[in-house]
Amino acid sequence: MPNKEWLDELLHRIRIESAIAATVTSTEVNLDLPRGYVAHFKHIEWILYDNMGQLMIDATARELQAAFVKDPDDEETVEIPHNESHHDVLDEFRISSHCNVANTSGVIHTPLFKQRRFTEEEDAVSARNCRVNCIETGGITCKLVCIIDYTIEKVSDNDILNLLDIL
């Protein structure tokens, strides 16, 4: 293991490929955090590879929702809660397709892309592993990739307890 002082401000990148199904599928993101350190998230990218053009095949309504969640035990949440100010969802990805074949020329959008950069004021940190949850409707068989950039930073034990809502 490298010297722990070297870990501060070193940028880490994780790529998660999520299975997409009609029920919520969840993939744990192992941040490999040493004791006394937290992950400070800098950037998230979502990429949907629609290689078969399934979002544009027929008039079927299709929707895909995904969320990057700070709680490793939350295997259900796929969007930012609308009625809560304190939640564990850092970012969400949503795409829907309502295509009418008679009015389209077979346009295929691949890949579909979304990115978000976190500012210092957003305080996007976690002391535990995270999850990527996703769900689809309409029979999409695409590949969803989530790329997360973060740094590992040393914090006090009290800060970690506050992050975990123990204090």
Protein backbone atom coordinates (compact mmCIF):
# COMPACT_ATOMS: atom_id res chain seq x y z
CA MET A 1 0.00 0.00 0.00
CA PRO A 2 1.42 3.41 -0.85
CA ASN A 3 2.14 6.04 1.74
CA LYS A 4 -1.29 7.36 2.87
CA GLU A 5 -0.24 10.99 2.48
CA TRP A 6 0.12 10.29 -1.24
CA LEU A 7 -3.58 9.42 -1.46
CA ASP A 8 -4.73 12.98 -0.75
CA GLU A 9 -5.83 14.74 -3.95
CA LEU A 10 -4.89 11.75 -6.16
CA LEU A 11 -7.66 11.40 -8.77
CA HIS A 12 -9.28 7.95 -8.96
CA ARG A 13 -11.58 6.74 -11.74
CA ILE A 14 -14.07 3.86 -11.61
CA ARG A 15 -16.08 2.55 -14.56
CA ILE A 16 -19.28 0.65 -13.79
CA GLU A 17 -21.21 -1.22 -16.48
CA SER A 18 -24.76 -1.80 -15.30
CA ALA A 19 -27.15 -4.49 -16.36
CA ILE A 20 -30.48 -3.07 -17.45
CA ALA A 21 -33.71 -4.92 -16.63
CA ALA A 22 -37.41 -4.37 -15.97
CA THR A 23 -36.75 -4.54 -12.23
CA VAL A 24 -34.24 -2.40 -10.33
CA THR A 25 -30.72 -3.72 -10.78
CA SER A 26 -28.02 -2.52 -8.44
CA THR A 27 -24.24 -2.53 -8.75
CA GLU A 28 -22.03 -1.81 -5.75
CA VAL A 29 -19.22 0.69 -6.31
CA ASN A 30 -16.20 -0.35 -4.24
CA LEU A 31 -14.28 2.85 -3.48
CA ASP A 32 -11.56 0.98 -1.52
CA LEU A 33 -11.35 3.66 1.17
CA PRO A 34 -8.69 3.32 3.88
CA ARG A 35 -9.77 3.95 7.49
CA GLY A 36 -10.06 7.68 8.20
CA TYR A 37 -10.52 8.69 4.55
CA VAL A 38 -13.54 9.77 2.49
CA ALA A 39 -14.23 9.89 -1.23
CA HIS A 40 -14.75 13.42 -2.57
CA PHE A 41 -16.60 13.11 -5.88
CA LYS A 42 -15.50 15.42 -8.68
CA HIS A 43 -17.21 14.23 -11.85
CA ILE A 44 -19.80 11.69 -13.02
CA GLU A 45 -20.45 10.62 -16.61
CA TRP A 46 -23.36 8.51 -17.82
CA ILE A 47 -23.12 6.80 -21.23
CA LEU A 48 -25.95 4.75 -22.73
CA TYR A 49 -24.90 2.55 -25.64
CA ASP A 50 -27.98 1.84 -27.77
CA ASN A 51 -26.24 -0.40 -30.31
CA MET A 52 -29.43 -1.91 -31.68
CA GLY A 53 -31.27 1.41 -31.93
CA GLN A 54 -33.92 0.10 -29.58
CA LEU A 55 -34.94 3.52 -28.33
CA MET A 56 -36.18 4.32 -31.83
CA ILE A 57 -37.51 0.97 -33.15
CA ASP A 58 -41.27 1.35 -32.87
CA ALA A 59 -44.01 3.33 -31.17
CA THR A 60 -43.40 1.64 -27.81
CA ALA A 61 -42.75 4.03 -24.95
CA ARG A 62 -39.39 3.24 -23.41
CA GLU A 63 -37.75 4.77 -20.37
CA LEU A 64 -34.52 4.22 -18.49
CA GLN A 65 -33.73 5.66 -15.06
CA ALA A 66 -30.51 5.35 -13.10
CA ALA A 67 -29.06 6.92 -9.98
CA PHE A 68 -25.69 7.14 -8.24
CA VAL A 69 -26.49 6.59 -4.56
CA LYS A 70 -24.17 7.19 -1.58
CA ASP A 71 -25.89 4.55 0.59
CA PRO A 72 -24.46 1.06 -0.12
CA ASP A 73 -27.62 -0.54 1.34
CA ASP A 74 -30.05 1.33 -0.95
CA GLU A 75 -30.80 -1.02 -3.84
CA GLU A 76 -34.09 0.63 -4.88
CA THR A 77 -33.69 4.38 -5.49
CA VAL A 78 -33.43 5.34 -9.17
CA GLU A 79 -34.13 9.08 -9.01
CA ILE A 80 -33.67 12.11 -6.78
CA PRO A 81 -36.58 12.20 -4.31
CA HIS A 82 -38.81 15.20 -5.02
CA ASN A 83 -40.17 15.63 -1.50
CA GLU A 84 -36.95 15.24 0.54
CA SER A 85 -34.19 17.76 1.09
CA HIS A 86 -31.83 15.23 2.73
CA HIS A 87 -31.22 12.19 0.52
CA ASP A 88 -28.36 9.99 -0.67
CA VAL A 89 -28.71 10.41 -4.45
CA LEU A 90 -25.75 12.32 -5.89
CA ASP A 91 -26.82 12.21 -9.53
CA GLU A 92 -29.45 10.66 -11.77
CA PHE A 93 -29.71 9.73 -15.45
CA ARG A 94 -33.03 9.52 -17.25
CA ILE A 95 -33.96 9.05 -20.86
CA SER A 96 -37.30 8.32 -22.44
CA SER A 97 -38.36 7.57 -25.99
CA HIS A 98 -41.82 7.93 -27.44
CA CYS A 99 -41.25 7.26 -31.12
CA ASN A 100 -43.80 7.05 -33.89
CA VAL A 101 -42.35 5.00 -36.76
CA ALA A 102 -44.58 6.72 -39.35
CA ASN A 103 -43.01 10.10 -38.51
CA THR A 104 -39.35 9.14 -38.23
CA SER A 105 -36.59 8.32 -40.64
CA GLY A 106 -34.91 5.80 -38.33
CA VAL A 107 -32.62 8.15 -36.43
CA ILE A 108 -30.46 6.27 -33.93
CA HIS A 109 -28.77 8.19 -31.15
CA THR A 110 -25.82 6.23 -29.81
CA PRO A 111 -24.23 6.75 -27.39
CA LEU A 112 -26.37 9.03 -25.25
CA PHE A 113 -24.24 11.01 -22.84
CA LYS A 114 -24.63 13.10 -19.66
CA GLN A 115 -21.96 14.49 -17.38
CA ARG A 116 -21.90 16.44 -14.14
CA ARG A 117 -19.03 18.21 -12.41
CA PHE A 118 -19.41 18.77 -8.69
CA THR A 119 -18.36 22.09 -7.19
CA GLU A 120 -16.64 22.44 -3.83
CA GLU A 121 -19.85 23.92 -2.37
CA GLU A 122 -21.87 20.80 -3.21
CA ASP A 123 -19.93 18.71 -0.68
CA ALA A 124 -20.28 15.46 -2.63
CA VAL A 125 -18.47 13.12 -0.24
CA SER A 126 -18.98 9.61 1.08
CA ALA A 127 -17.32 7.59 3.83
CA ARG A 128 -18.66 4.27 2.50
CA ASN A 129 -19.08 2.40 -0.77
CA CYS A 130 -21.84 3.55 -3.12
CA ARG A 131 -24.29 2.04 -5.61
CA VAL A 132 -25.50 2.53 -9.16
CA ASN A 133 -29.18 1.55 -9.46
CA CYS A 134 -31.11 1.38 -12.74
CA ILE A 135 -34.46 0.29 -14.13
CA GLU A 136 -36.06 0.29 -17.57
CA THR A 137 -39.49 -0.06 -19.12
CA GLY A 138 -40.28 -1.17 -22.64
CA GLY A 139 -37.73 -3.92 -23.19
CA ILE A 140 -34.51 -1.97 -23.77
CA THR A 141 -31.39 -4.16 -23.93
CA CYS A 142 -28.72 -1.48 -23.91
CA LYS A 143 -25.53 -1.01 -21.92
CA LEU A 144 -25.33 1.77 -19.33
CA VAL A 145 -21.87 2.90 -18.21
CA CYS A 146 -21.23 5.18 -15.25
CA ILE A 147 -17.76 6.71 -14.87
CA ILE A 148 -16.94 8.28 -11.52
CA ASP A 149 -13.94 10.51 -10.76
CA TYR A 150 -13.08 11.14 -7.12
CA THR A 151 -10.24 11.90 -4.75
CA ILE A 152 -9.53 10.29 -1.39
CA GLU A 153 -9.07 12.76 1.44
CA LYS A 154 -8.07 12.34 5.08
CA VAL A 155 -10.69 13.52 7.60
CA SER A 156 -11.13 13.33 11.37
CA ASP A 157 -13.14 10.59 13.05
CA ASN A 158 -15.81 13.13 14.06
CA ASP A 159 -16.24 14.20 10.42
CA ILE A 160 -16.77 10.60 9.37
CA LEU A 161 -19.34 10.09 12.14
CA ASN A 162 -21.17 13.23 10.99
CA LEU A 163 -21.19 11.98 7.39
CA LEU A 164 -22.68 8.69 8.53
CA ASP A 165 -25.31 10.54 10.64
CA ILE A 166 -24.05 8.87 13.81
CA LEU A 167 -23.41 12.11 15.73
